[in-house]
Amino acid sequence: PNHNSTTMAPPPTELPVGEAPVFSKEDEEGYAQHFRELGFVVVGSVLDRNRVEATIREVWQSPSLLGGHSGLDPEDPKTWGSETWPAGCRNFLDPLDPCAEVESWRNRVDPAVNR
């Protein structure tokens, strides 16, 4: 597929929890189309379970990611509302210093992710 990095995705569409399709990493055309249409995509089995768990911990604990936002509790989805969820011009998953976030960096350079 043609991956044009300047194309903006639409705002993500809300789906009921657990109803987002999970694409295989080989289905590039399918997940690219889903991303273009809905603004998000879930691709399964890209990273191993330990990497995923380490990344989730880092996202919630790092002061430059979600750990820097008071009022958010990873165990309590009620705290993930618009009043407490980070917003603004900077993507909350884009760390202030990408080299300081170990798992984020490992994921960015992993051949399965960066293809």
Protein backbone atom coordinates (compact mmCIF):
# COMPACT_ATOMS: atom_id res chain seq x y z
CA PRO A 1 0.00 0.00 0.00
CA ASN A 2 0.95 3.60 -0.47
CA HIS A 3 1.91 4.93 2.99
CA ASN A 4 1.74 8.70 2.55
CA SER A 5 3.05 10.18 5.81
CA THR A 6 1.44 13.56 5.09
CA THR A 7 -2.09 12.17 4.97
CA MET A 8 -4.04 13.02 8.11
CA ALA A 9 -6.32 10.36 9.53
CA PRO A 10 -9.83 11.31 10.58
CA PRO A 11 -10.53 11.60 14.30
CA PRO A 12 -10.88 8.12 15.80
CA THR A 13 -14.34 6.64 15.73
CA GLU A 14 -15.72 5.40 19.04
CA LEU A 15 -16.54 1.70 19.08
CA PRO A 16 -17.86 -0.34 21.97
CA VAL A 17 -15.03 -1.86 24.03
CA GLY A 18 -13.66 -4.99 22.42
CA GLU A 19 -15.25 -4.37 19.02
CA ALA A 20 -12.23 -3.05 17.13
CA PRO A 21 -11.03 -5.60 14.58
CA VAL A 22 -7.52 -6.96 15.09
CA PHE A 23 -5.57 -7.19 11.84
CA SER A 24 -2.66 -9.52 11.16
CA LYS A 25 0.59 -7.75 10.40
CA GLU A 26 0.53 -9.36 6.93
CA ASP A 27 -2.79 -7.65 6.06
CA GLU A 28 -1.22 -4.29 5.20
CA GLU A 29 -3.94 -3.31 2.76
CA GLY A 30 -6.71 -4.11 5.26
CA TYR A 31 -5.22 -2.25 8.21
CA ALA A 32 -4.15 0.71 6.05
CA GLN A 33 -7.72 1.08 4.75
CA HIS A 34 -9.17 0.78 8.26
CA PHE A 35 -6.75 3.47 9.48
CA ARG A 36 -7.66 5.81 6.61
CA GLU A 37 -11.38 5.33 7.24
CA LEU A 38 -11.54 5.29 11.05
CA GLY A 39 -8.34 6.98 12.24
CA PHE A 40 -6.97 4.04 14.23
CA VAL A 41 -5.95 0.43 13.75
CA VAL A 42 -5.11 -2.58 15.92
CA VAL A 43 -2.47 -4.91 14.53
CA GLY A 44 -1.97 -8.06 16.59
CA SER A 45 1.12 -10.14 17.35
CA VAL A 46 3.64 -7.48 16.37
CA LEU A 47 5.52 -7.48 19.69
CA ASP A 48 5.85 -10.29 22.23
CA ARG A 49 3.79 -10.25 25.44
CA ASN A 50 6.71 -9.12 27.66
CA ARG A 51 7.42 -6.12 25.41
CA VAL A 52 3.75 -5.14 25.36
CA GLU A 53 3.50 -5.32 29.16
CA ALA A 54 6.74 -3.34 29.61
CA THR A 55 5.46 -0.70 27.18
CA ILE A 56 2.13 -0.39 28.99
CA ARG A 57 3.96 0.07 32.32
CA GLU A 58 6.20 2.73 30.78
CA VAL A 59 3.26 4.64 29.26
CA TRP A 60 1.47 4.78 32.63
CA GLN A 61 4.56 5.47 34.78
CA SER A 62 6.76 7.82 32.75
CA PRO A 63 6.47 11.48 33.78
CA SER A 64 6.65 12.56 30.12
CA LEU A 65 3.81 10.22 29.13
CA LEU A 66 0.66 9.40 31.12
CA GLY A 67 2.59 9.24 34.42
CA GLY A 68 2.93 13.01 34.29
CA HIS A 69 -0.83 13.60 34.39
CA SER A 70 -2.42 13.56 37.83
CA GLY A 71 -5.86 12.08 38.18
CA LEU A 72 -5.28 9.14 35.80
CA ASP A 73 -5.36 5.64 37.23
CA PRO A 74 -4.51 2.71 34.92
CA GLU A 75 -6.75 0.45 37.01
CA ASP A 76 -9.78 2.78 36.93
CA PRO A 77 -11.25 3.55 33.46
CA LYS A 78 -13.57 6.13 35.08
CA THR A 79 -10.47 8.37 35.42
CA TRP A 80 -9.86 8.30 31.66
CA GLY A 81 -12.55 10.88 30.84
CA SER A 82 -12.15 14.15 28.97
CA GLU A 83 -11.63 16.09 32.22
CA THR A 84 -8.48 14.15 33.13
CA TRP A 85 -7.19 12.76 29.82
CA PRO A 86 -4.23 14.71 28.37
CA ALA A 87 -5.08 16.96 25.45
CA GLY A 88 -3.27 19.59 23.46
CA CYS A 89 -1.03 19.94 20.46
CA ARG A 90 1.52 17.29 21.55
CA ASN A 91 0.65 13.62 21.24
CA PHE A 92 0.66 12.23 24.80
CA LEU A 93 2.35 9.08 23.49
CA ASP A 94 5.20 11.12 22.00
CA PRO A 95 7.68 11.50 24.88
CA LEU A 96 9.45 14.76 25.49
CA ASP A 97 12.75 12.91 25.14
CA PRO A 98 12.33 9.79 22.98
CA CYS A 99 15.70 8.44 24.09
CA ALA A 100 14.64 8.55 27.76
CA GLU A 101 11.72 6.17 27.23
CA VAL A 102 13.38 2.77 26.85
CA GLU A 103 10.42 0.72 25.61
CA SER A 104 9.17 3.47 23.31
CA TRP A 105 12.61 3.58 21.72
CA ARG A 106 12.85 -0.22 21.43
CA ASN A 107 9.43 -0.31 19.77
CA ARG A 108 10.31 2.45 17.30
CA VAL A 109 13.39 0.62 16.04
CA ASP A 110 11.94 -2.91 16.13
CA PRO A 111 11.87 -4.26 12.53
CA ALA A 112 8.35 -5.64 13.06
CA VAL A 113 7.08 -2.13 13.90
CA ASN A 114 9.26 0.06 11.69
CA ARG A 115 8.82 -1.45 8.22
